[in-house]
Amino acid sequence: MVRRIDPDATDWLAGGNRRELAVDRIYQVAAELIRDRGFDSISVDDVAERAGCSRATLYRYVGGKAAIRDGVMARSAAAVAREVSAAVASLTGKARVVEAILVSVRAIRADAAVSDGLAAARATGMDNYVTSSKLLGDTAIELAGLDAGDETSQWVVRIVLALLAWPLADEGSERRMVESFIS
């Protein structure tokens, strides 16, 4: 009789769900490598070696390099969204919109995975995908506390992307510019 192992079961030895633990470890290592070397300078083999797993295990749990990029970006974007959400929770109106934009820019700049991912999207001509992303637009609307609307959400996303691509001299200059457009 062949005993089947439930991949979603709690592993008594690993101290949790083996799949979730492996995926978390792989994405954590990939984010560290991206931060240290940049996305284009890492390979699936680099991630597998640093995570302490085989290439086959990495592919089984997360997929190839594109899936690693997407997973790391999604996790980083969620962390940025949590940071922005916490920063604007007590704000309303124009102050919330300004802070949502500026905190987003600051958080993205601080996160190598998101910064690298956006730079890669720009370099590979995926600008249109990023600027028209429903997920990004909906997140921007929610964080900025704005009424839903494609034009509004795209405006917020484009302002954040513009500040990332063409930063001003300092955060004070960026704040003044954003405030002048929001008022």
Protein backbone atom coordinates (compact mmCIF):
# COMPACT_ATOMS: atom_id res chain seq x y z
CA MET A 1 0.00 0.00 0.00
CA VAL A 2 1.35 3.40 -1.04
CA ARG A 3 0.91 6.10 1.55
CA ARG A 4 0.05 9.49 0.06
CA ILE A 5 1.28 12.62 1.78
CA ASP A 6 -1.12 15.54 1.95
CA PRO A 7 0.88 18.60 0.78
CA ASP A 8 -1.39 20.90 2.81
CA ALA A 9 -1.05 19.01 6.07
CA THR A 10 0.93 20.37 9.00
CA ASP A 11 4.36 18.78 9.08
CA TRP A 12 5.26 17.93 12.66
CA LEU A 13 8.97 18.10 11.88
CA ALA A 14 8.90 21.37 9.93
CA GLY A 15 6.53 23.06 12.40
CA GLY A 16 3.94 24.12 9.86
CA ASN A 17 2.61 23.50 6.40
CA ARG A 18 5.60 22.28 4.40
CA ARG A 19 4.42 23.88 1.15
CA GLU A 20 3.83 27.28 2.75
CA LEU A 21 7.14 27.15 4.57
CA ALA A 22 9.00 26.23 1.37
CA VAL A 23 7.29 28.94 -0.67
CA ASP A 24 7.99 31.56 2.02
CA ARG A 25 11.65 30.52 2.19
CA ILE A 26 12.07 30.60 -1.59
CA TYR A 27 10.48 34.05 -1.93
CA GLN A 28 12.45 35.41 1.03
CA VAL A 29 15.73 34.21 -0.47
CA ALA A 30 14.78 35.51 -3.92
CA ALA A 31 13.98 38.95 -2.46
CA GLU A 32 17.36 39.01 -0.72
CA LEU A 33 19.15 38.07 -3.93
CA ILE A 34 17.22 40.70 -5.91
CA ARG A 35 18.13 43.31 -3.30
CA ASP A 36 21.80 42.29 -3.41
CA ARG A 37 22.27 41.75 -7.15
CA GLY A 38 19.20 42.89 -9.06
CA PHE A 39 16.65 40.64 -10.72
CA ASP A 40 18.48 40.19 -14.01
CA SER A 41 21.60 38.95 -12.21
CA ILE A 42 20.01 36.01 -10.43
CA SER A 43 19.07 32.57 -11.68
CA VAL A 44 16.73 29.83 -10.54
CA ASP A 45 19.82 27.87 -9.51
CA ASP A 46 21.01 30.78 -7.34
CA VAL A 47 17.67 30.91 -5.54
CA ALA A 48 17.47 27.14 -5.09
CA GLU A 49 21.02 26.94 -3.74
CA ARG A 50 20.53 29.79 -1.26
CA ALA A 51 17.12 28.41 -0.19
CA GLY A 52 18.68 25.00 0.41
CA CYS A 53 16.47 23.11 -1.99
CA SER A 54 16.79 21.47 -5.36
CA ARG A 55 15.87 23.16 -8.61
CA ALA A 56 13.05 20.61 -8.95
CA THR A 57 11.65 21.57 -5.54
CA LEU A 58 11.77 25.23 -6.47
CA TYR A 59 9.90 24.60 -9.72
CA ARG A 60 7.35 22.38 -7.95
CA TYR A 61 6.54 24.99 -5.31
CA VAL A 62 6.82 28.31 -7.15
CA GLY A 63 7.71 27.79 -10.82
CA GLY A 64 10.47 29.39 -12.87
CA LYS A 65 12.13 32.77 -12.85
CA ALA A 66 9.05 34.68 -14.03
CA ALA A 67 6.96 33.10 -11.28
CA ILE A 68 9.63 33.97 -8.73
CA ARG A 69 9.60 37.59 -9.94
CA ASP A 70 5.81 37.73 -9.82
CA GLY A 71 5.66 36.18 -6.36
CA VAL A 72 8.32 38.44 -4.90
CA MET A 73 6.68 41.49 -6.51
CA ALA A 74 3.25 40.52 -5.17
CA ARG A 75 4.60 40.07 -1.65
CA SER A 76 6.55 43.30 -1.81
CA ALA A 77 3.59 45.20 -3.24
CA ALA A 78 1.41 43.87 -0.41
CA ALA A 79 3.99 45.08 2.12
CA VAL A 80 4.05 48.52 0.46
CA ALA A 81 0.24 48.63 0.54
CA ARG A 82 0.23 47.75 4.26
CA GLU A 83 2.75 50.52 4.95
CA VAL A 84 0.75 53.09 3.00
CA SER A 85 -2.51 51.96 4.59
CA ALA A 86 -1.06 52.39 8.08
CA ALA A 87 0.33 55.82 7.22
CA VAL A 88 -2.95 57.19 5.84
CA ALA A 89 -5.43 55.43 8.14
CA SER A 90 -6.27 58.56 10.11
CA LEU A 91 -6.28 60.94 7.14
CA THR A 92 -9.08 61.99 4.81
CA GLY A 93 -9.50 64.11 1.72
CA LYS A 94 -6.58 65.81 0.05
CA ALA A 95 -4.16 65.07 2.90
CA ARG A 96 -4.82 61.35 2.46
CA VAL A 97 -4.24 61.48 -1.30
CA VAL A 98 -0.97 63.39 -0.88
CA GLU A 99 0.33 61.04 1.82
CA ALA A 100 -0.76 57.92 -0.08
CA ILE A 101 1.24 59.05 -3.11
CA LEU A 102 4.33 60.13 -1.17
CA VAL A 103 4.43 57.15 1.18
CA SER A 104 3.98 54.83 -1.84
CA VAL A 105 6.96 56.42 -3.57
CA ARG A 106 9.11 56.23 -0.43
CA ALA A 107 8.14 52.60 0.29
CA ILE A 108 8.71 51.48 -3.29
CA ARG A 109 12.11 53.17 -3.39
CA ALA A 110 13.03 51.33 -0.19
CA ASP A 111 11.99 47.93 -1.58
CA ALA A 112 14.51 46.64 -4.13
CA ALA A 113 12.15 43.97 -5.45
CA VAL A 114 9.40 46.42 -6.36
CA SER A 115 11.83 49.07 -7.64
CA ASP A 116 13.65 46.50 -9.76
CA GLY A 117 10.37 45.05 -11.02
CA LEU A 118 9.03 48.43 -12.08
CA ALA A 119 12.33 49.33 -13.75
CA ALA A 120 12.27 46.02 -15.63
CA ALA A 121 8.68 46.62 -16.72
CA ARG A 122 9.68 50.01 -18.04
CA ALA A 123 12.76 48.66 -19.82
CA THR A 124 10.80 45.86 -21.48
CA GLY A 125 7.96 48.05 -22.70
CA MET A 126 5.43 46.83 -20.14
CA ASP A 127 4.62 50.40 -19.09
CA ASN A 128 1.10 50.13 -20.47
CA TYR A 129 0.45 46.96 -18.47
CA VAL A 130 1.64 48.61 -15.25
CA THR A 131 -0.23 51.89 -15.79
CA SER A 132 -3.47 50.16 -16.73
CA SER A 133 -3.32 47.39 -14.12
CA LYS A 134 -6.75 47.05 -12.49
CA LEU A 135 -5.11 45.68 -9.33
CA LEU A 136 -2.77 48.68 -9.03
CA GLY A 137 -5.58 51.07 -9.85
CA ASP A 138 -7.95 49.55 -7.30
CA THR A 139 -5.20 49.58 -4.67
CA ALA A 140 -4.42 53.23 -5.43
CA ILE A 141 -8.10 54.17 -5.11
CA GLU A 142 -8.44 52.35 -1.80
CA LEU A 143 -5.25 53.69 -0.26
CA ALA A 144 -5.85 57.26 -1.40
CA GLY A 145 -9.48 57.13 -0.25
CA LEU A 146 -10.81 58.23 -3.63
CA ASP A 147 -14.02 57.41 -5.44
CA ALA A 148 -13.67 54.53 -7.86
CA GLY A 149 -12.92 55.44 -11.43
CA ASP A 150 -10.44 54.30 -14.03
CA GLU A 151 -9.12 57.79 -14.76
CA THR A 152 -8.62 58.62 -11.09
CA SER A 153 -6.87 55.36 -10.32
CA GLN A 154 -4.64 55.64 -13.37
CA TRP A 155 -3.78 59.22 -12.41
CA VAL A 156 -2.58 58.13 -8.95
CA VAL A 157 -0.59 55.20 -10.39
CA ARG A 158 0.98 57.44 -13.04
CA ILE A 159 1.96 60.11 -10.49
CA VAL A 160 3.69 57.48 -8.35
CA LEU A 161 5.44 56.01 -11.40
CA ALA A 162 6.48 59.47 -12.63
CA LEU A 163 8.08 60.30 -9.28
CA LEU A 164 9.89 56.97 -9.32
CA ALA A 165 11.16 57.43 -12.88
CA TRP A 166 11.95 61.13 -12.57
CA PRO A 167 12.55 61.99 -8.91
CA LEU A 168 12.85 65.59 -7.84
CA ALA A 169 15.79 66.89 -5.81
CA ASP A 170 14.35 65.82 -2.46
CA GLU A 171 11.18 64.65 -0.71
CA GLY A 172 10.22 68.23 0.18
CA SER A 173 10.18 69.20 -3.51
CA GLU A 174 8.12 66.13 -4.35
CA ARG A 175 5.67 66.95 -1.54
CA ARG A 176 5.22 70.53 -2.75
CA MET A 177 4.62 69.37 -6.32
CA VAL A 178 2.06 66.72 -5.33
CA GLU A 179 0.28 69.14 -2.98
CA SER A 180 0.07 71.76 -5.74
CA PHE A 181 -1.71 69.27 -8.02
CA ILE A 182 -4.03 67.94 -5.31
CA SER A 183 -5.19 71.35 -4.08
